Amino acid sequence: MTADVLRIRADNPGPYTLSGTNTWVAGRDPAWVVDPGPALDAHLDAVAAEVRKRGGAGGIAITHDHPDHVEGVAGLVERLDGPPVYAVRYEGATERIGDGDAVGPLRAMALPGHAPDHVVFLWERVCFAGDAVLGEGSVFIAPDPGGLKGYLDGLRRLRALDLELICPGHGPEIHDVAGKLDEYVAHRLDRERRLVAALDAGVRGEAALLDAVWDDVPAALRGAAAVTLAAHLAKLREEGRLGEDPVADPP
């Protein structure tokens, strides 16, 4: 199949947004928008123009409520004469959704980890992945209860589907779906293996653990690596594989 989707990339490049935040427009008569992106007039004008070209908006679907994905919601709603907005917890949503809910032709699937409210949207053999899977690089995982385990479980749920295309929140489209999902799971498990090895070797303290396990991460992303370290430690703790807090200040 050739998916009837278009990526409109916002001009907000940075260490966390890569080349910019992707807004996706899917289908037509009506079209659906996934993640309006930042509140940049040129970006929102381009999204609105594409939606009108496709017969108007059926609705706006939000993968998670991080600012670079939702700042433009109000401006896009105004430009498109008030379509409904679907999200798990975003304050500006008109419809609250959860795992398995239908959002027009889309279906929401919970995939927490990067954010506790994170969902992806499935449309035929296409997945709009938000920040669960990126077109390049990896994502940071928040240390919420069950966050990393839920993230890995969600990636495996996606892997079991017959997907043809992943449309990520940042970076290019992903056509090798199985390869990318396998890569993401293997990456997280390798970080865990290296972390356990460092702990077994007596490495303690956040800075020392980051130096040992996240040594390949650029300085600009060290903060995100620290958040992900906390998520990995939380998973080990939940599984009964961690005793004392290895990043706590000594008495």
Protein backbone atom coordinates (compact mmCIF):
# COMPACT_ATOMS: atom_id res chain seq x y z
CA MET A 1 0.00 0.00 0.00
CA THR A 2 1.03 3.62 -0.39
CA ALA A 3 0.06 5.45 2.76
CA ASP A 4 -1.80 8.70 2.18
CA VAL A 5 0.20 10.60 4.79
CA LEU A 6 2.25 13.76 4.63
CA ARG A 7 4.93 14.92 7.06
CA ILE A 8 5.10 18.65 7.76
CA ARG A 9 8.21 19.38 9.81
CA ALA A 10 8.29 22.38 12.12
CA ASP A 11 11.26 24.73 12.03
CA ASN A 12 12.26 24.05 15.65
CA PRO A 13 15.50 22.06 15.43
CA GLY A 14 17.44 21.28 18.59
CA PRO A 15 19.14 18.55 20.64
CA TYR A 16 15.78 17.10 21.70
CA THR A 17 13.74 17.86 18.57
CA LEU A 18 16.46 16.82 16.07
CA SER A 19 15.61 18.41 12.71
CA GLY A 20 12.24 19.57 14.05
CA THR A 21 8.93 18.23 15.32
CA ASN A 22 6.87 16.31 12.78
CA THR A 23 3.18 16.97 12.27
CA TRP A 24 1.44 14.27 10.23
CA VAL A 25 -1.63 14.73 8.04
CA ALA A 26 -3.39 11.47 7.18
CA GLY A 27 -6.18 10.60 4.78
CA ARG A 28 -8.71 12.92 3.26
CA ASP A 29 -12.44 13.76 3.21
CA PRO A 30 -11.78 14.35 6.07
CA ALA A 31 -8.10 14.48 6.95
CA TRP A 32 -6.69 13.78 10.41
CA VAL A 33 -3.81 15.59 12.10
CA VAL A 34 -1.40 13.88 14.48
CA ASP A 35 0.51 16.27 16.80
CA PRO A 36 0.13 19.90 15.65
CA GLY A 37 3.64 20.73 16.87
CA PRO A 38 4.95 24.08 18.15
CA ALA A 39 3.10 27.38 17.95
CA LEU A 40 4.90 28.65 14.87
CA ASP A 41 2.62 30.54 12.48
CA ALA A 42 4.34 29.34 9.31
CA HIS A 43 4.12 25.73 10.46
CA LEU A 44 0.46 25.91 11.48
CA ASP A 45 -0.43 27.74 8.25
CA ALA A 46 1.18 24.94 6.24
CA VAL A 47 -0.65 22.23 8.20
CA ALA A 48 -4.00 24.02 7.87
CA ALA A 49 -3.51 24.53 4.14
CA GLU A 50 -2.80 20.83 3.62
CA VAL A 51 -5.83 19.81 5.68
CA ARG A 52 -8.12 22.11 3.68
CA LYS A 53 -6.69 20.69 0.45
CA ARG A 54 -7.68 17.23 1.71
CA GLY A 55 -11.29 18.15 2.46
CA GLY A 56 -11.12 19.55 5.98
CA ALA A 57 -10.30 18.17 9.40
CA GLY A 58 -11.92 15.18 11.05
CA GLY A 59 -9.95 15.73 14.21
CA ILE A 60 -6.58 16.24 15.88
CA ALA A 61 -4.88 13.36 17.69
CA ILE A 62 -2.21 13.97 20.36
CA THR A 63 0.43 11.33 21.13
CA HIS A 64 1.56 13.04 24.37
CA ASP A 65 1.49 16.46 25.94
CA HIS A 66 5.11 17.59 25.64
CA PRO A 67 5.19 21.25 24.55
CA ASP A 68 6.82 20.75 21.15
CA HIS A 69 3.89 18.50 20.17
CA VAL A 70 0.97 20.48 21.61
CA GLU A 71 1.87 24.18 21.72
CA GLY A 72 0.25 24.65 18.32
CA VAL A 73 -3.06 22.95 19.14
CA ALA A 74 -5.05 26.12 19.88
CA GLY A 75 -3.73 27.89 16.79
CA LEU A 76 -4.52 24.95 14.53
CA VAL A 77 -8.00 24.48 16.01
CA GLU A 78 -8.70 28.15 15.30
CA ARG A 79 -7.41 27.87 11.72
CA LEU A 80 -9.54 24.77 11.07
CA ASP A 81 -12.79 26.04 12.64
CA GLY A 82 -12.81 23.88 15.74
CA PRO A 83 -12.20 20.19 15.05
CA PRO A 84 -12.21 17.86 18.09
CA VAL A 85 -8.91 17.20 19.87
CA TYR A 86 -8.21 13.70 21.23
CA ALA A 87 -5.61 13.05 23.94
CA VAL A 88 -4.97 11.11 27.13
CA ARG A 89 -4.38 14.06 29.44
CA TYR A 90 -3.68 17.22 27.42
CA GLU A 91 -5.69 20.02 29.03
CA GLY A 92 -6.93 21.36 25.71
CA ALA A 93 -8.44 18.04 24.62
CA THR A 94 -12.15 17.89 23.87
CA GLU A 95 -12.16 14.07 24.03
CA ARG A 96 -10.20 11.90 26.49
CA ILE A 97 -8.88 8.63 25.10
CA GLY A 98 -7.21 5.45 26.32
CA ASP A 99 -5.66 2.24 25.08
CA GLY A 100 -7.68 0.74 22.23
CA ASP A 101 -10.00 3.70 21.70
CA ALA A 102 -11.04 4.64 18.19
CA VAL A 103 -10.15 8.16 17.07
CA GLY A 104 -11.94 8.43 13.75
CA PRO A 105 -10.09 5.98 11.48
CA LEU A 106 -7.19 5.80 13.95
CA ARG A 107 -6.84 3.49 16.94
CA ALA A 108 -4.94 4.54 20.05
CA MET A 109 -2.46 2.16 21.62
CA ALA A 110 -0.83 2.95 24.96
CA LEU A 111 2.94 3.09 24.76
CA PRO A 112 4.17 4.81 27.94
CA GLY A 113 7.81 5.32 28.82
CA HIS A 114 8.81 8.59 27.19
CA ALA A 115 5.80 10.08 28.96
CA PRO A 116 3.13 8.39 31.11
CA ASP A 117 0.32 9.62 28.82
CA HIS A 118 2.04 8.53 25.61
CA VAL A 119 -0.02 6.71 22.99
CA VAL A 120 0.65 5.83 19.38
CA PHE A 121 -2.02 5.84 16.68
CA LEU A 122 -2.55 2.97 14.27
CA TRP A 123 -4.13 3.45 10.86
CA GLU A 124 -4.26 0.41 8.62
CA ARG A 125 -0.56 -0.63 8.50
CA VAL A 126 0.77 2.76 9.58
CA CYS A 127 1.83 3.76 13.10
CA PHE A 128 2.06 7.40 14.15
CA ALA A 129 4.61 6.90 16.90
CA GLY A 130 5.14 10.31 18.48
CA ASP A 131 8.29 10.11 20.58
CA ALA A 132 8.03 6.38 21.28
CA VAL A 133 10.13 5.65 18.18
CA LEU A 134 12.22 8.24 16.35
CA GLY A 135 13.46 8.29 12.78
CA GLU A 136 17.00 8.60 14.11
CA GLY A 137 18.60 8.10 17.51
CA SER A 138 16.83 6.89 20.64
CA VAL A 139 14.36 8.40 23.10
CA PHE A 140 14.68 9.20 26.78
CA ILE A 141 12.51 7.23 29.18
CA ALA A 142 10.93 8.77 32.28
CA PRO A 143 11.31 6.99 35.67
CA ASP A 144 7.58 6.54 36.22
CA PRO A 145 6.38 3.33 37.90
CA GLY A 146 6.44 0.65 35.25
CA GLY A 147 7.79 3.17 32.76
CA LEU A 148 10.65 1.24 31.18
CA LYS A 149 8.91 -2.13 31.44
CA GLY A 150 5.77 -0.62 29.90
CA TYR A 151 7.88 0.91 27.16
CA LEU A 152 9.53 -2.39 26.25
CA ASP A 153 6.18 -4.18 26.38
CA GLY A 154 4.72 -1.53 24.07
CA LEU A 155 7.55 -1.88 21.56
CA ARG A 156 6.99 -5.63 21.51
CA ARG A 157 3.26 -5.12 20.95
CA LEU A 158 4.09 -2.97 17.94
CA ARG A 159 6.57 -5.56 16.71
CA ALA A 160 3.82 -8.19 16.68
CA LEU A 161 1.70 -6.11 14.30
CA ASP A 162 1.93 -6.24 10.52
CA LEU A 163 3.09 -2.64 10.12
CA GLU A 164 4.43 -1.19 6.90
CA LEU A 165 5.39 2.30 8.04
CA ILE A 166 6.23 4.20 11.23
CA CYS A 167 5.70 7.96 11.16
CA PRO A 168 7.81 9.30 14.05
CA GLY A 169 7.56 12.53 15.99
CA HIS A 170 11.08 13.47 14.90
CA GLY A 171 13.22 12.33 11.99
CA PRO A 172 12.32 10.61 8.71
CA GLU A 173 9.74 7.91 8.03
CA ILE A 174 10.71 4.38 9.06
CA HIS A 175 10.11 1.72 6.42
CA ASP A 176 12.09 -1.11 8.04
CA VAL A 177 9.63 -1.38 10.89
CA ALA A 178 10.77 -4.74 12.27
CA GLY A 179 14.41 -3.75 12.09
CA LYS A 180 13.87 -0.45 13.89
CA LEU A 181 11.75 -1.99 16.67
CA ASP A 182 14.27 -4.80 17.18
CA GLU A 183 17.02 -2.18 17.31
CA TYR A 184 15.12 -0.17 19.95
CA VAL A 185 14.52 -3.17 22.21
CA ALA A 186 18.12 -4.36 21.83
CA HIS A 187 19.40 -0.86 22.63
CA ARG A 188 17.47 -0.66 25.89
CA LEU A 189 18.51 -4.18 26.92
CA ASP A 190 22.15 -3.38 26.13
CA ARG A 191 21.98 -0.28 28.33
CA GLU A 192 20.54 -2.45 31.09
CA ARG A 193 23.30 -5.03 30.69
CA ARG A 194 25.98 -2.35 30.85
CA LEU A 195 24.33 -0.71 33.85
CA VAL A 196 24.15 -3.99 35.77
CA ALA A 197 27.81 -4.66 34.93
CA ALA A 198 28.80 -1.21 36.20
CA LEU A 199 26.84 -1.69 39.42
CA ASP A 200 28.39 -5.11 39.94
CA ALA A 201 31.82 -3.51 39.50
CA GLY A 202 31.03 -1.06 42.31
CA VAL A 203 30.34 2.07 40.25
CA ARG A 204 28.20 4.47 42.26
CA GLY A 205 26.85 7.99 41.79
CA GLU A 206 24.91 9.45 38.89
CA ALA A 207 27.89 11.05 37.16
CA ALA A 208 30.04 7.91 37.37
CA LEU A 209 27.22 5.67 36.11
CA LEU A 210 26.54 8.01 33.20
CA ASP A 211 30.26 8.02 32.35
CA ALA A 212 30.30 4.21 32.42
CA VAL A 213 27.05 3.41 30.62
CA TRP A 214 26.04 6.51 28.62
CA ASP A 215 29.55 7.46 27.54
CA ASP A 216 28.44 7.87 23.92
CA VAL A 217 25.82 10.54 24.70
CA PRO A 218 26.62 14.16 23.70
CA ALA A 219 26.94 16.68 26.52
CA ALA A 220 23.74 18.45 25.38
CA LEU A 221 21.76 15.25 26.04
CA ARG A 222 23.36 14.28 29.34
CA GLY A 223 20.30 15.51 31.24
CA ALA A 224 18.08 13.20 29.20
CA ALA A 225 20.52 10.35 29.85
CA ALA A 226 20.24 11.01 33.58
CA VAL A 227 16.44 10.73 33.34
CA THR A 228 16.79 7.45 31.46
CA LEU A 229 19.32 6.17 34.01
CA ALA A 230 16.69 6.76 36.70
CA ALA A 231 14.16 4.80 34.61
CA HIS A 232 16.55 1.86 34.29
CA LEU A 233 17.26 1.90 38.03
CA ALA A 234 13.52 2.03 38.74
CA LYS A 235 12.99 -1.07 36.59
CA LEU A 236 15.77 -2.96 38.37
CA ARG A 237 14.28 -1.92 41.72
CA GLU A 238 10.77 -3.04 40.72
CA GLU A 239 12.21 -6.40 39.69
CA GLY A 240 14.00 -6.84 43.01
CA ARG A 241 17.42 -6.60 41.36
CA LEU A 242 18.62 -3.44 43.12
CA GLY A 243 19.45 -2.98 46.78
CA GLU A 244 20.70 0.36 48.02
CA ASP A 245 20.21 3.47 45.93
CA PRO A 246 23.38 3.70 43.83
CA VAL A 247 22.97 7.42 43.10
CA ALA A 248 22.07 8.59 46.61
CA ASP A 249 24.46 10.93 48.36
CA PRO A 250 26.62 9.04 50.89
CA PRO A 251 25.75 9.55 54.57
